[in-house]
Amino acid sequence: MSKKMKVAFGCHLLVLLSIGLWGVVYLFRTEFMPYHAIAVGKTWTQVDPAFQILLLALIRRVGGASIAIAMAMGILLFIPFRQGIRWARWAVPAVGLVAQLTALCVMLSVTLNTPATPPWKGVPLFMVLLVAGFILSLEPEKKHIVERSGA
């Protein structure tokens, strides 16, 4: 792998690790996040037990989906991307950007419609890393020069 491809790999790896970590945090939550409490104006104990079950199911579903996204990115990154397969240069950032764009839209909606402030500010940074990794991975193919021995 060229130096540019190694940097692209690193950009993508940072994002997939962050998505995976976020997923683990959400998957093992026993109550909603502090910014969720601010958004709904209630502490966890004030939320009806039936809604607690529903909220935890949704939170854990987001966690599981985030882990699945990180795994998919990891498989694409460590196998076809490292092998230099061209479609993987598009697939890795595409998967990550869909996940990050969705997260950004949801977090901005909460920010704009409630008094809560979800941790959305890192998401644009991850999107920039994915785009940077994509651009860096677009190095031109090396052309093989065929020498002709002519008489």
C-alpha atoms as a PDB file:
ATOM      1  CA  MET A   1       0.000   0.000   0.000  1.00  0.00           C
ATOM      2  CA  SER A   2       1.241   3.483  -0.857  1.00  0.00           C
ATOM      3  CA  LYS A   3       1.620   6.165   1.801  1.00  0.00           C
ATOM      4  CA  LYS A   4      -1.602   7.866   0.616  1.00  0.00           C
ATOM      5  CA  MET A   5      -3.488   4.565   0.875  1.00  0.00           C
ATOM      6  CA  LYS A   6      -2.131   4.028   4.397  1.00  0.00           C
ATOM      7  CA  VAL A   7      -3.356   7.492   5.444  1.00  0.00           C
ATOM      8  CA  ALA A   8      -6.740   6.781   3.801  1.00  0.00           C
ATOM      9  CA  PHE A   9      -6.863   3.477   5.682  1.00  0.00           C
ATOM     10  CA  GLY A  10      -6.125   5.329   8.940  1.00  0.00           C
ATOM     11  CA  CYS A  11      -8.866   7.898   8.305  1.00  0.00           C
ATOM     12  CA  HIS A  12     -11.416   5.152   7.726  1.00  0.00           C
ATOM     13  CA  LEU A  13     -10.144   3.121  10.690  1.00  0.00           C
ATOM     14  CA  LEU A  14     -10.612   6.059  13.089  1.00  0.00           C
ATOM     15  CA  VAL A  15     -14.215   6.439  11.973  1.00  0.00           C
ATOM     16  CA  LEU A  16     -15.052   2.749  12.207  1.00  0.00           C
ATOM     17  CA  LEU A  17     -13.537   2.578  15.699  1.00  0.00           C
ATOM     18  CA  SER A  18     -15.624   5.559  16.819  1.00  0.00           C
ATOM     19  CA  ILE A  19     -18.805   4.039  15.360  1.00  0.00           C
ATOM     20  CA  GLY A  20     -18.007   0.721  17.034  1.00  0.00           C
ATOM     21  CA  LEU A  21     -17.282   2.357  20.408  1.00  0.00           C
ATOM     22  CA  TRP A  22     -20.503   4.363  20.186  1.00  0.00           C
ATOM     23  CA  GLY A  23     -22.319   1.117  19.431  1.00  0.00           C
ATOM     24  CA  VAL A  24     -20.863  -0.683  22.449  1.00  0.00           C
ATOM     25  CA  VAL A  25     -21.799   2.219  24.739  1.00  0.00           C
ATOM     26  CA  TYR A  26     -25.382   2.211  23.454  1.00  0.00           C
ATOM     27  CA  LEU A  27     -25.723  -1.564  23.399  1.00  0.00           C
ATOM     28  CA  PHE A  28     -24.934  -1.874  27.104  1.00  0.00           C
ATOM     29  CA  ARG A  29     -26.923   1.108  28.406  1.00  0.00           C
ATOM     30  CA  THR A  30     -29.181   0.457  31.358  1.00  0.00           C
ATOM     31  CA  GLU A  31     -30.893   3.830  31.043  1.00  0.00           C
ATOM     32  CA  PHE A  32     -30.939   6.676  28.564  1.00  0.00           C
ATOM     33  CA  MET A  33     -28.082   9.126  28.105  1.00  0.00           C
ATOM     34  CA  PRO A  34     -27.931  12.378  30.116  1.00  0.00           C
ATOM     35  CA  TYR A  35     -28.855  14.427  27.035  1.00  0.00           C
ATOM     36  CA  HIS A  36     -31.908  12.191  26.543  1.00  0.00           C
ATOM     37  CA  ALA A  37     -33.077  13.197  30.037  1.00  0.00           C
ATOM     38  CA  ILE A  38     -32.709  16.862  29.109  1.00  0.00           C
ATOM     39  CA  ALA A  39     -34.567  16.305  25.826  1.00  0.00           C
ATOM     40  CA  VAL A  40     -37.604  14.733  27.509  1.00  0.00           C
ATOM     41  CA  GLY A  41     -37.414  16.799  30.691  1.00  0.00           C
ATOM     42  CA  LYS A  42     -37.430  13.741  32.941  1.00  0.00           C
ATOM     43  CA  THR A  43     -34.965  11.628  34.826  1.00  0.00           C
ATOM     44  CA  TRP A  44     -34.835   7.930  33.996  1.00  0.00           C
ATOM     45  CA  THR A  45     -36.796   7.030  37.145  1.00  0.00           C
ATOM     46  CA  GLN A  46     -39.573   9.459  36.159  1.00  0.00           C
ATOM     47  CA  VAL A  47     -40.145   7.669  32.847  1.00  0.00           C
ATOM     48  CA  ASP A  48     -42.980   5.139  32.851  1.00  0.00           C
ATOM     49  CA  PRO A  49     -41.568   1.567  33.049  1.00  0.00           C
ATOM     50  CA  ALA A  50     -43.265   0.559  29.765  1.00  0.00           C
ATOM     51  CA  PHE A  51     -41.562   3.488  28.012  1.00  0.00           C
ATOM     52  CA  GLN A  52     -38.269   2.562  29.691  1.00  0.00           C
ATOM     53  CA  ILE A  53     -38.468  -0.858  28.024  1.00  0.00           C
ATOM     54  CA  LEU A  54     -39.242   0.707  24.664  1.00  0.00           C
ATOM     55  CA  LEU A  55     -36.509   3.356  24.944  1.00  0.00           C
ATOM     56  CA  LEU A  56     -33.888   0.809  25.996  1.00  0.00           C
ATOM     57  CA  ALA A  57     -34.892  -1.438  23.101  1.00  0.00           C
ATOM     58  CA  LEU A  58     -34.414   1.443  20.652  1.00  0.00           C
ATOM     59  CA  ILE A  59     -31.153   2.586  22.247  1.00  0.00           C
ATOM     60  CA  ARG A  60     -29.754  -0.950  22.170  1.00  0.00           C
ATOM     61  CA  ARG A  61     -30.951  -1.373  18.575  1.00  0.00           C
ATOM     62  CA  VAL A  62     -28.948   1.717  17.628  1.00  0.00           C
ATOM     63  CA  GLY A  63     -25.992   0.213  19.473  1.00  0.00           C
ATOM     64  CA  GLY A  64     -26.285  -3.088  17.631  1.00  0.00           C
ATOM     65  CA  ALA A  65     -26.693  -1.356  14.285  1.00  0.00           C
ATOM     66  CA  SER A  66     -23.603   0.778  14.973  1.00  0.00           C
ATOM     67  CA  ILE A  67     -21.558  -2.320  15.783  1.00  0.00           C
ATOM     68  CA  ALA A  68     -22.813  -3.960  12.564  1.00  0.00           C
ATOM     69  CA  ILE A  69     -21.818  -0.875  10.553  1.00  0.00           C
ATOM     70  CA  ALA A  70     -18.359  -0.858  12.150  1.00  0.00           C
ATOM     71  CA  MET A  71     -17.973  -4.574  11.411  1.00  0.00           C
ATOM     72  CA  ALA A  72     -19.022  -4.108   7.781  1.00  0.00           C
ATOM     73  CA  MET A  73     -16.584  -1.226   7.395  1.00  0.00           C
ATOM     74  CA  GLY A  74     -13.865  -3.286   9.062  1.00  0.00           C
ATOM     75  CA  ILE A  75     -14.361  -6.266   6.769  1.00  0.00           C
ATOM     76  CA  LEU A  76     -14.330  -3.987   3.716  1.00  0.00           C
ATOM     77  CA  LEU A  77     -11.316  -2.074   4.999  1.00  0.00           C
ATOM     78  CA  PHE A  78      -9.157  -5.003   6.089  1.00  0.00           C
ATOM     79  CA  ILE A  79      -9.834  -7.279   3.119  1.00  0.00           C
ATOM     80  CA  PRO A  80     -10.719  -5.698  -0.247  1.00  0.00           C
ATOM     81  CA  PHE A  81      -9.493  -2.164   0.582  1.00  0.00           C
ATOM     82  CA  ARG A  82      -6.071  -3.421   1.695  1.00  0.00           C
ATOM     83  CA  GLN A  83      -5.913  -5.639  -1.374  1.00  0.00           C
ATOM     84  CA  GLY A  84      -6.367  -2.541  -3.521  1.00  0.00           C
ATOM     85  CA  ILE A  85      -9.713  -3.578  -4.975  1.00  0.00           C
ATOM     86  CA  ARG A  86     -11.155  -0.415  -6.503  1.00  0.00           C
ATOM     87  CA  TRP A  87     -14.810  -0.771  -5.492  1.00  0.00           C
ATOM     88  CA  ALA A  88     -13.781  -0.971  -1.825  1.00  0.00           C
ATOM     89  CA  ARG A  89     -12.361   2.550  -2.085  1.00  0.00           C
ATOM     90  CA  TRP A  90     -15.948   3.707  -2.627  1.00  0.00           C
ATOM     91  CA  ALA A  91     -17.746   1.195  -0.422  1.00  0.00           C
ATOM     92  CA  VAL A  92     -15.941   1.924   2.858  1.00  0.00           C
ATOM     93  CA  PRO A  93     -16.660   5.672   2.932  1.00  0.00           C
ATOM     94  CA  ALA A  94     -20.160   5.151   1.484  1.00  0.00           C
ATOM     95  CA  VAL A  95     -21.157   2.902   4.391  1.00  0.00           C
ATOM     96  CA  GLY A  96     -19.624   5.296   6.905  1.00  0.00           C
ATOM     97  CA  LEU A  97     -21.117   8.423   5.366  1.00  0.00           C
ATOM     98  CA  VAL A  98     -24.649   6.986   5.343  1.00  0.00           C
ATOM     99  CA  ALA A  99     -24.278   6.127   9.037  1.00  0.00           C
ATOM    100  CA  GLN A 100     -22.771   9.494   9.932  1.00  0.00           C
ATOM    101  CA  LEU A 101     -25.250  11.537   7.905  1.00  0.00           C
ATOM    102  CA  THR A 102     -28.132   9.721   9.577  1.00  0.00           C
ATOM    103  CA  ALA A 103     -26.608  10.295  13.015  1.00  0.00           C
ATOM    104  CA  LEU A 104     -26.052  13.980  12.241  1.00  0.00           C
ATOM    105  CA  CYS A 105     -29.646  14.498  11.085  1.00  0.00           C
ATOM    106  CA  VAL A 106     -31.068  12.795  14.168  1.00  0.00           C
ATOM    107  CA  MET A 107     -28.797  14.665  16.575  1.00  0.00           C
ATOM    108  CA  LEU A 108     -29.456  18.027  14.938  1.00  0.00           C
ATOM    109  CA  SER A 109     -33.188  17.370  15.127  1.00  0.00           C
ATOM    110  CA  VAL A 110     -32.887  16.773  18.876  1.00  0.00           C
ATOM    111  CA  THR A 111     -30.669  19.868  19.233  1.00  0.00           C
ATOM    112  CA  LEU A 112     -33.079  22.102  17.318  1.00  0.00           C
ATOM    113  CA  ASN A 113     -36.308  20.800  18.859  1.00  0.00           C
ATOM    114  CA  THR A 114     -35.409  20.233  22.513  1.00  0.00           C
ATOM    115  CA  PRO A 115     -33.222  21.900  25.139  1.00  0.00           C
ATOM    116  CA  ALA A 116     -30.765  18.967  24.865  1.00  0.00           C
ATOM    117  CA  THR A 117     -27.401  19.053  23.132  1.00  0.00           C
ATOM    118  CA  PRO A 118     -26.425  15.617  21.801  1.00  0.00           C
ATOM    119  CA  PRO A 119     -22.736  15.078  21.016  1.00  0.00           C
ATOM    120  CA  TRP A 120     -23.151  15.898  17.311  1.00  0.00           C
ATOM    121  CA  LYS A 121     -20.058  18.047  16.854  1.00  0.00           C
ATOM    122  CA  GLY A 122     -17.758  15.071  16.286  1.00  0.00           C
ATOM    123  CA  VAL A 123     -19.919  13.699  13.486  1.00  0.00           C
ATOM    124  CA  PRO A 124     -18.869  16.314  10.872  1.00  0.00           C
ATOM    125  CA  LEU A 125     -15.234  15.546  11.755  1.00  0.00           C
ATOM    126  CA  PHE A 126     -15.838  11.855  11.039  1.00  0.00           C
ATOM    127  CA  MET A 127     -17.514  12.776   7.757  1.00  0.00           C
ATOM    128  CA  VAL A 128     -14.462  14.862   6.803  1.00  0.00           C
ATOM    129  CA  LEU A 129     -12.196  11.913   7.657  1.00  0.00           C
ATOM    130  CA  LEU A 130     -14.272   9.625   5.435  1.00  0.00           C
ATOM    131  CA  VAL A 131     -14.181  12.074   2.529  1.00  0.00           C
ATOM    132  CA  ALA A 132     -10.439  12.645   3.036  1.00  0.00           C
ATOM    133  CA  GLY A 133      -9.855   8.894   3.097  1.00  0.00           C
ATOM    134  CA  PHE A 134     -11.865   8.538  -0.092  1.00  0.00           C
ATOM    135  CA  ILE A 135      -9.960  11.297  -1.896  1.00  0.00           C
ATOM    136  CA  LEU A 136      -6.603   9.928  -0.759  1.00  0.00           C
ATOM    137  CA  SER A 137      -7.543   6.452  -1.961  1.00  0.00           C
ATOM    138  CA  LEU A 138      -8.200   7.678  -5.488  1.00  0.00           C
ATOM    139  CA  GLU A 139      -4.583   7.489  -6.503  1.00  0.00           C
ATOM    140  CA  PRO A 140      -4.216   6.807 -10.186  1.00  0.00           C
ATOM    141  CA  GLU A 141      -3.449   3.314 -11.384  1.00  0.00           C
ATOM    142  CA  LYS A 142       0.186   2.704 -12.178  1.00  0.00           C
ATOM    143  CA  LYS A 143       0.567   2.282 -15.880  1.00  0.00           C
ATOM    144  CA  HIS A 144       2.872  -0.398 -17.025  1.00  0.00           C
ATOM    145  CA  ILE A 145       5.104   0.666 -19.857  1.00  0.00           C
ATOM    146  CA  VAL A 146       5.612  -2.048 -22.351  1.00  0.00           C
ATOM    147  CA  GLU A 147       8.876  -1.775 -24.172  1.00  0.00           C
ATOM    148  CA  ARG A 148       8.964  -2.966 -27.692  1.00  0.00           C
ATOM    149  CA  SER A 149      12.091  -4.295 -29.138  1.00  0.00           C
ATOM    150  CA  GLY A 150      11.946  -3.450 -32.730  1.00  0.00           C
ATOM    151  CA  ALA A 151      14.270  -3.963 -35.577  1.00  0.00           C
END
